[in-house]
Protein backbone atom coordinates (compact mmCIF):
# COMPACT_ATOMS: atom_id res chain seq x y z
CA UNK A 1 26.33 -10.28 33.69
CA UNK A 2 25.68 -11.88 30.30
CA UNK A 3 22.52 -13.52 31.63
CA UNK A 4 21.24 -10.17 32.94
CA UNK A 5 21.82 -8.51 29.56
CA UNK A 6 20.13 -11.44 27.83
CA UNK A 7 17.12 -11.17 30.18
CA UNK A 8 16.77 -7.43 29.56
CA UNK A 9 17.10 -7.97 25.81
CA UNK A 10 14.43 -10.69 25.84
CA UNK A 11 12.07 -8.53 27.95
CA UNK A 12 12.61 -5.62 25.59
CA UNK A 13 11.90 -7.82 22.57
CA UNK A 14 8.74 -9.16 24.24
CA UNK A 15 7.54 -5.61 24.98
CA UNK A 16 8.26 -4.55 21.41
CA UNK A 17 6.36 -7.57 20.09
CA UNK A 18 3.43 -6.93 22.45
CA UNK A 19 3.27 -3.29 21.36
CA UNK A 20 3.31 -4.35 17.70
CA UNK A 21 0.45 -6.79 18.32
CA UNK A 22 -1.59 -4.11 20.11
CA UNK A 23 -0.95 -1.61 17.33
CA UNK A 24 -1.92 -4.17 14.68
CA UNK A 25 -5.14 -5.02 16.54
CA UNK A 26 -5.98 -1.31 16.90
CA UNK A 27 -5.55 -0.84 13.14
CA UNK A 28 -7.63 -3.95 12.40
CA UNK A 29 -10.36 -2.70 14.76
CA UNK A 30 -10.43 0.67 13.01
CA UNK A 31 -10.70 -1.04 9.60
CA UNK A 32 -13.44 -3.26 11.04
CA UNK A 33 -15.34 -0.18 12.23
CA UNK A 34 -14.93 1.57 8.87
CA UNK A 35 -16.38 -1.53 7.20
CA UNK A 36 -19.25 -1.65 9.73
CA UNK A 37 -18.56 -5.27 10.64
CA UNK A 38 -20.09 -4.92 14.09
CA UNK A 39 -17.16 -6.79 15.65
CA UNK A 40 -15.81 -5.62 18.99
CA UNK A 41 -12.15 -6.01 19.96
CA UNK A 42 -12.70 -9.40 21.60
CA UNK A 43 -14.62 -10.83 18.63
CA UNK A 44 -12.10 -9.44 16.17
CA UNK A 45 -9.24 -10.88 18.20
CA UNK A 46 -10.89 -14.32 18.16
CA UNK A 47 -11.37 -14.08 14.39
CA UNK A 48 -7.73 -13.11 13.88
CA UNK A 49 -6.54 -16.04 16.01
CA UNK A 50 -8.77 -18.44 14.10
CA UNK A 51 -7.41 -17.17 10.77
CA UNK A 52 -3.85 -17.49 12.07
CA UNK A 53 -4.63 -21.13 12.85
CA UNK A 54 -5.73 -21.76 9.28
CA UNK A 55 -9.47 -21.15 9.33
CA UNK A 56 -10.73 -19.86 5.97
CA UNK A 57 -11.65 -16.15 6.47
CA UNK A 58 -14.53 -16.34 3.99
CA UNK A 59 -15.99 -19.37 5.76
CA UNK A 60 -15.59 -17.61 9.11
CA UNK A 61 -17.39 -14.57 7.73
CA UNK A 62 -20.24 -16.76 6.47
CA UNK A 63 -20.58 -18.41 9.89
CA UNK A 64 -20.70 -15.03 11.63
CA UNK A 65 -23.39 -13.82 9.23
CA UNK A 66 -25.45 -16.98 9.79
CA UNK A 67 -25.11 -16.66 13.56
CA UNK A 68 -26.29 -13.06 13.37
CA UNK A 69 -29.30 -14.07 11.25
CA UNK A 70 -30.18 -16.82 13.72
CA UNK A 71 -29.80 -14.40 16.62
CA UNK A 72 -32.12 -11.87 14.95
CA UNK A 73 -34.67 -14.61 14.28
CA UNK A 74 -34.65 -15.57 17.96
CA UNK A 75 -35.17 -11.95 19.02
CA UNK A 76 -38.43 -11.69 17.06
């Protein structure tokens, strides 16, 4: 019985955590849109994960800008 309660508690905590992550990503996506970053949810999620792993956000931003410039150059 204790194991069953523990399992339900862990599942509930995991669901709560997952919902918090989704809500946070939704808020970050809205901020991203307001700032006209051009990032979709997948790109934003990758950026967040990179920052969580210690990547410098300003350096990441600079790389994204350079990649966009290079992409535009190739389109011409």
